[in-house]
Amino acid sequence: MCTEQGPILSFPGFIEYNSEFIDNIVIHDLNENDKDYIESTQKQKELEKTFPVIKRLGLGDGAISLSAEEHEAYTQYHELENFRGALVSLKYYWRGHADCLAYLRHISALQE
């Protein structure tokens, strides 16, 4: 069903319909404004450039041997990935709060 504003969606449909939009906003904001996210992304790119084996490990190219230095770099790379994931999760958490408050104000369930 559609209205002049667009499709009427159930809650799961609404989430699916808007998830890519929200993902883009969250990642864009982190890439533009979060110093820790930007620095960890840059460090990951440096590790990939210095140790190309990091990219190959995720491709399933069969057996790969790592030197101690490569293993340390791979471990550091994944620690950075986990850190970035935590920053994304935190951003979603706060975005959800902000959206909930905005919705409650919109439906007049919350007064300023």
N, C-alpha and C. Protein backbone atom coordinates (compact mmCIF):
# COMPACT_ATOMS: atom_id res chain seq x y z
N MET A 1 0.85 -1.16 0.00
CA MET A 1 0.00 0.00 0.00
C MET A 1 0.90 1.24 0.00
N CYS A 2 0.50 2.27 -0.69
CA CYS A 2 1.28 3.49 -0.79
C CYS A 2 0.43 4.70 -0.42
N THR A 3 1.10 5.71 0.06
CA THR A 3 0.47 7.00 0.29
C THR A 3 1.24 8.02 -0.54
N GLU A 4 0.85 9.28 -0.44
CA GLU A 4 1.58 10.32 -1.17
C GLU A 4 3.02 10.43 -0.68
N GLN A 5 3.27 10.06 0.59
CA GLN A 5 4.61 10.16 1.15
C GLN A 5 5.48 8.94 0.81
N GLY A 6 4.89 7.87 0.38
CA GLY A 6 5.66 6.67 0.06
C GLY A 6 4.95 5.43 0.56
N PRO A 7 5.63 4.28 0.56
CA PRO A 7 4.98 3.03 0.97
C PRO A 7 4.68 3.01 2.46
N ILE A 8 3.56 2.39 2.82
CA ILE A 8 3.25 2.14 4.22
C ILE A 8 3.85 0.78 4.55
N LEU A 9 4.69 0.76 5.55
CA LEU A 9 5.41 -0.47 5.86
C LEU A 9 5.14 -0.90 7.29
N SER A 10 5.14 -2.21 7.50
CA SER A 10 5.10 -2.72 8.86
C SER A 10 6.43 -2.37 9.52
N PHE A 11 6.54 -2.56 10.82
CA PHE A 11 7.79 -2.22 11.50
C PHE A 11 8.99 -2.96 10.91
N PRO A 12 8.92 -4.30 10.71
CA PRO A 12 10.07 -4.97 10.08
C PRO A 12 10.36 -4.42 8.68
N GLY A 13 9.31 -4.12 7.94
CA GLY A 13 9.51 -3.54 6.61
C GLY A 13 10.15 -2.17 6.69
N PHE A 14 9.74 -1.39 7.69
CA PHE A 14 10.32 -0.06 7.90
C PHE A 14 11.81 -0.17 8.18
N ILE A 15 12.17 -1.11 9.05
CA ILE A 15 13.58 -1.29 9.40
C ILE A 15 14.38 -1.69 8.16
N GLU A 16 13.88 -2.66 7.41
CA GLU A 16 14.58 -3.10 6.20
C GLU A 16 14.67 -1.97 5.19
N TYR A 17 13.59 -1.23 5.03
CA TYR A 17 13.53 -0.13 4.06
C TYR A 17 14.54 0.97 4.40
N ASN A 18 14.75 1.21 5.70
CA ASN A 18 15.61 2.30 6.14
C ASN A 18 16.99 1.88 6.61
N SER A 19 17.28 0.59 6.71
CA SER A 19 18.54 0.16 7.29
C SER A 19 19.75 0.62 6.48
N GLU A 20 19.67 0.56 5.16
CA GLU A 20 20.80 1.01 4.34
C GLU A 20 21.01 2.52 4.52
N PHE A 21 19.93 3.26 4.57
CA PHE A 21 20.00 4.70 4.78
C PHE A 21 20.66 5.01 6.12
N ILE A 22 20.24 4.32 7.17
CA ILE A 22 20.80 4.54 8.50
C ILE A 22 22.26 4.11 8.54
N ASP A 23 22.58 2.97 7.91
CA ASP A 23 23.98 2.52 7.84
C ASP A 23 24.85 3.60 7.22
N ASN A 24 24.39 4.17 6.12
CA ASN A 24 25.17 5.20 5.44
C ASN A 24 25.39 6.41 6.32
N ILE A 25 24.37 6.82 7.06
CA ILE A 25 24.49 7.97 7.95
C ILE A 25 25.50 7.68 9.06
N VAL A 26 25.39 6.53 9.68
CA VAL A 26 26.27 6.17 10.80
C VAL A 26 27.72 6.11 10.33
N ILE A 27 27.99 5.36 9.27
CA ILE A 27 29.37 5.21 8.79
C ILE A 27 29.92 6.54 8.29
N HIS A 28 29.11 7.31 7.59
CA HIS A 28 29.56 8.62 7.12
C HIS A 28 29.94 9.52 8.30
N ASP A 29 29.10 9.53 9.33
CA ASP A 29 29.38 10.36 10.49
C ASP A 29 30.68 9.92 11.18
N LEU A 30 30.86 8.62 11.33
CA LEU A 30 32.10 8.14 11.95
C LEU A 30 33.31 8.51 11.10
N ASN A 31 33.23 8.34 9.80
CA ASN A 31 34.35 8.67 8.90
C ASN A 31 34.67 10.16 8.89
N GLU A 32 33.68 10.99 9.14
CA GLU A 32 33.89 12.44 9.10
C GLU A 32 34.22 13.05 10.45
N ASN A 33 33.70 12.47 11.53
CA ASN A 33 33.74 13.17 12.82
C ASN A 33 34.38 12.43 13.98
N ASP A 34 34.61 11.15 13.87
CA ASP A 34 35.14 10.39 15.01
C ASP A 34 36.63 10.13 14.83
N LYS A 35 37.43 10.82 15.62
CA LYS A 35 38.89 10.73 15.50
C LYS A 35 39.40 9.30 15.68
N ASP A 36 38.86 8.59 16.67
CA ASP A 36 39.30 7.22 16.93
C ASP A 36 38.97 6.30 15.76
N TYR A 37 37.79 6.46 15.19
CA TYR A 37 37.39 5.63 14.05
C TYR A 37 38.29 5.91 12.84
N ILE A 38 38.53 7.19 12.59
CA ILE A 38 39.38 7.58 11.46
C ILE A 38 40.79 7.04 11.62
N GLU A 39 41.36 7.20 12.82
CA GLU A 39 42.73 6.73 13.08
C GLU A 39 42.84 5.22 12.97
N SER A 40 41.85 4.50 13.49
CA SER A 40 41.91 3.04 13.43
C SER A 40 41.75 2.55 11.99
N THR A 41 40.92 3.23 11.20
CA THR A 41 40.76 2.88 9.78
C THR A 41 42.07 3.11 9.04
N GLN A 42 42.72 4.23 9.30
CA GLN A 42 44.00 4.53 8.65
C GLN A 42 45.06 3.51 9.05
N LYS A 43 45.09 3.13 10.33
CA LYS A 43 46.06 2.14 10.79
C LYS A 43 45.81 0.79 10.12
N GLN A 44 44.55 0.41 9.95
CA GLN A 44 44.25 -0.84 9.26
C GLN A 44 44.75 -0.80 7.81
N LYS A 45 44.53 0.32 7.14
CA LYS A 45 45.00 0.45 5.75
C LYS A 45 46.52 0.37 5.67
N GLU A 46 47.20 0.97 6.65
CA GLU A 46 48.67 0.89 6.70
C GLU A 46 49.12 -0.56 6.90
N LEU A 47 48.44 -1.28 7.79
CA LEU A 47 48.79 -2.69 8.01
C LEU A 47 48.56 -3.52 6.76
N GLU A 48 47.46 -3.28 6.05
CA GLU A 48 47.18 -4.00 4.80
C GLU A 48 48.26 -3.73 3.76
N LYS A 49 48.72 -2.49 3.70
CA LYS A 49 49.75 -2.11 2.72
C LYS A 49 51.10 -2.73 3.09
N THR A 50 51.45 -2.67 4.37
CA THR A 50 52.73 -3.21 4.83
C THR A 50 52.74 -4.73 4.82
N PHE A 51 51.62 -5.34 5.13
CA PHE A 51 51.50 -6.80 5.21
C PHE A 51 50.37 -7.27 4.30
N PRO A 52 50.61 -7.41 3.00
CA PRO A 52 49.55 -7.81 2.06
C PRO A 52 48.90 -9.16 2.39
N VAL A 53 49.58 -9.96 3.19
CA VAL A 53 49.04 -11.26 3.56
C VAL A 53 47.73 -11.10 4.34
N ILE A 54 47.53 -9.96 4.99
CA ILE A 54 46.30 -9.74 5.76
C ILE A 54 45.08 -9.86 4.86
N LYS A 55 45.14 -9.27 3.68
CA LYS A 55 44.01 -9.37 2.75
C LYS A 55 43.84 -10.80 2.24
N ARG A 56 44.93 -11.48 1.99
CA ARG A 56 44.86 -12.85 1.46
C ARG A 56 44.24 -13.80 2.48
N LEU A 57 44.42 -13.54 3.76
CA LEU A 57 43.88 -14.43 4.79
C LEU A 57 42.36 -14.50 4.74
N GLY A 58 41.72 -13.42 4.35
CA GLY A 58 40.26 -13.41 4.28
C GLY A 58 39.70 -13.96 2.99
N LEU A 59 40.55 -14.32 2.03
CA LEU A 59 40.07 -14.77 0.73
C LEU A 59 39.94 -16.28 0.61
N GLY A 60 40.49 -17.03 1.54
CA GLY A 60 40.41 -18.48 1.48
C GLY A 60 41.24 -19.06 0.35
N ASP A 61 42.45 -18.54 0.17
CA ASP A 61 43.34 -19.00 -0.89
C ASP A 61 44.09 -20.28 -0.54
N GLY A 62 43.62 -21.04 0.39
CA GLY A 62 44.32 -22.24 0.79
C GLY A 62 45.25 -21.95 1.96
N ALA A 63 46.25 -22.80 2.13
CA ALA A 63 47.18 -22.68 3.26
C ALA A 63 48.07 -21.46 3.10
N ILE A 64 48.23 -20.73 4.19
CA ILE A 64 49.11 -19.55 4.21
C ILE A 64 49.92 -19.63 5.49
N SER A 65 51.23 -19.42 5.34
CA SER A 65 52.11 -19.38 6.51
C SER A 65 52.38 -17.93 6.88
N LEU A 66 52.45 -17.67 8.18
CA LEU A 66 52.72 -16.33 8.66
C LEU A 66 53.99 -16.31 9.48
N SER A 67 54.77 -15.26 9.29
CA SER A 67 55.92 -15.04 10.17
C SER A 67 55.38 -14.50 11.48
N ALA A 68 56.21 -14.43 12.50
CA ALA A 68 55.78 -13.88 13.79
C ALA A 68 55.34 -12.42 13.62
N GLU A 69 56.05 -11.67 12.79
CA GLU A 69 55.71 -10.27 12.54
C GLU A 69 54.36 -10.14 11.83
N GLU A 70 54.12 -11.01 10.84
CA GLU A 70 52.83 -10.99 10.13
C GLU A 70 51.69 -11.37 11.06
N HIS A 71 51.95 -12.35 11.93
CA HIS A 71 50.93 -12.77 12.88
C HIS A 71 50.58 -11.63 13.83
N GLU A 72 51.58 -10.92 14.31
CA GLU A 72 51.34 -9.77 15.19
C GLU A 72 50.54 -8.69 14.46
N ALA A 73 50.88 -8.44 13.20
CA ALA A 73 50.15 -7.45 12.40
C ALA A 73 48.70 -7.89 12.19
N TYR A 74 48.49 -9.18 11.93
CA TYR A 74 47.14 -9.71 11.73
C TYR A 74 46.32 -9.58 13.01
N THR A 75 46.94 -9.87 14.15
CA THR A 75 46.27 -9.74 15.44
C THR A 75 45.90 -8.28 15.69
N GLN A 76 46.83 -7.38 15.42
CA GLN A 76 46.58 -5.95 15.60
C GLN A 76 45.45 -5.48 14.67
N TYR A 77 45.46 -5.97 13.45
CA TYR A 77 44.42 -5.62 12.47
C TYR A 77 43.04 -6.00 12.99
N HIS A 78 42.92 -7.19 13.54
CA HIS A 78 41.61 -7.64 14.04
C HIS A 78 41.22 -6.94 15.33
N GLU A 79 42.18 -6.55 16.15
CA GLU A 79 41.86 -5.75 17.33
C GLU A 79 41.29 -4.40 16.89
N LEU A 80 41.88 -3.81 15.85
CA LEU A 80 41.36 -2.55 15.31
C LEU A 80 39.96 -2.74 14.72
N GLU A 81 39.74 -3.86 14.05
CA GLU A 81 38.43 -4.15 13.48
C GLU A 81 37.38 -4.28 14.58
N ASN A 82 37.73 -4.96 15.67
CA ASN A 82 36.80 -5.09 16.79
C ASN A 82 36.52 -3.73 17.43
N PHE A 83 37.55 -2.90 17.56
CA PHE A 83 37.39 -1.57 18.12
C PHE A 83 36.46 -0.73 17.25
N ARG A 84 36.67 -0.77 15.94
CA ARG A 84 35.81 -0.04 15.01
C ARG A 84 34.37 -0.53 15.10
N GLY A 85 34.20 -1.84 15.21
CA GLY A 85 32.86 -2.42 15.36
C GLY A 85 32.17 -1.93 16.62
N ALA A 86 32.93 -1.80 17.70
CA ALA A 86 32.36 -1.29 18.95
C ALA A 86 31.94 0.16 18.79
N LEU A 87 32.73 0.95 18.07
CA LEU A 87 32.36 2.35 17.82
C LEU A 87 31.08 2.44 17.00
N VAL A 88 30.94 1.56 16.01
CA VAL A 88 29.73 1.54 15.19
C VAL A 88 28.52 1.16 16.05
N SER A 89 28.67 0.14 16.88
CA SER A 89 27.57 -0.29 17.75
C SER A 89 27.15 0.83 18.70
N LEU A 90 28.11 1.53 19.25
CA LEU A 90 27.81 2.64 20.15
C LEU A 90 27.07 3.75 19.41
N LYS A 91 27.49 4.02 18.18
CA LYS A 91 26.84 5.05 17.37
C LYS A 91 25.38 4.65 17.09
N TYR A 92 25.15 3.37 16.76
CA TYR A 92 23.77 2.90 16.56
C TYR A 92 22.96 3.04 17.84
N TYR A 93 23.54 2.73 18.96
CA TYR A 93 22.87 2.83 20.25
C TYR A 93 22.39 4.25 20.49
N TRP A 94 23.28 5.21 20.34
CA TRP A 94 22.91 6.61 20.57
C TRP A 94 21.97 7.12 19.49
N ARG A 95 22.13 6.66 18.28
CA ARG A 95 21.21 7.05 17.19
C ARG A 95 19.79 6.56 17.51
N GLY A 96 19.69 5.35 18.03
CA GLY A 96 18.39 4.81 18.41
C GLY A 96 17.72 5.64 19.49
N HIS A 97 18.50 6.05 20.47
CA HIS A 97 17.95 6.91 21.52
C HIS A 97 17.44 8.23 20.93
N ALA A 98 18.26 8.85 20.11
CA ALA A 98 17.87 10.14 19.51
C ALA A 98 16.63 9.98 18.65
N ASP A 99 16.57 8.92 17.85
CA ASP A 99 15.39 8.70 17.00
C ASP A 99 14.14 8.43 17.83
N CYS A 100 14.29 7.68 18.93
CA CYS A 100 13.16 7.38 19.80
C CYS A 100 12.62 8.67 20.42
N LEU A 101 13.50 9.51 20.92
CA LEU A 101 13.05 10.77 21.52
C LEU A 101 12.38 11.67 20.48
N ALA A 102 12.93 11.71 19.28
CA ALA A 102 12.33 12.52 18.22
C ALA A 102 10.94 12.00 17.88
N TYR A 103 10.78 10.68 17.83
CA TYR A 103 9.47 10.10 17.53
C TYR A 103 8.47 10.40 18.64
N LEU A 104 8.89 10.26 19.90
CA LEU A 104 8.00 10.54 21.02
C LEU A 104 7.57 12.00 21.02
N ARG A 105 8.46 12.89 20.65
CA ARG A 105 8.08 14.31 20.53
C ARG A 105 7.10 14.49 19.37
N HIS A 106 7.36 13.80 18.28
CA HIS A 106 6.51 13.90 17.08
C HIS A 106 5.07 13.49 17.37
N ILE A 107 4.90 12.45 18.15
CA ILE A 107 3.55 11.98 18.45
C ILE A 107 2.99 12.62 19.72
N SER A 108 3.71 13.61 20.22
CA SER A 108 3.29 14.37 21.41
C SER A 108 3.22 13.52 22.67
N ALA A 109 3.95 12.45 22.71
CA ALA A 109 4.02 11.62 23.92
C ALA A 109 5.07 12.14 24.88
N LEU A 110 5.91 13.04 24.40
CA LEU A 110 6.97 13.61 25.22
C LEU A 110 6.99 15.12 24.96
N GLN A 111 6.92 15.86 26.01
CA GLN A 111 6.97 17.32 25.88
C GLN A 111 8.40 17.78 26.17
N GLU A 112 8.81 18.86 25.55
CA GLU A 112 10.16 19.38 25.80
C GLU A 112 10.24 20.14 27.08
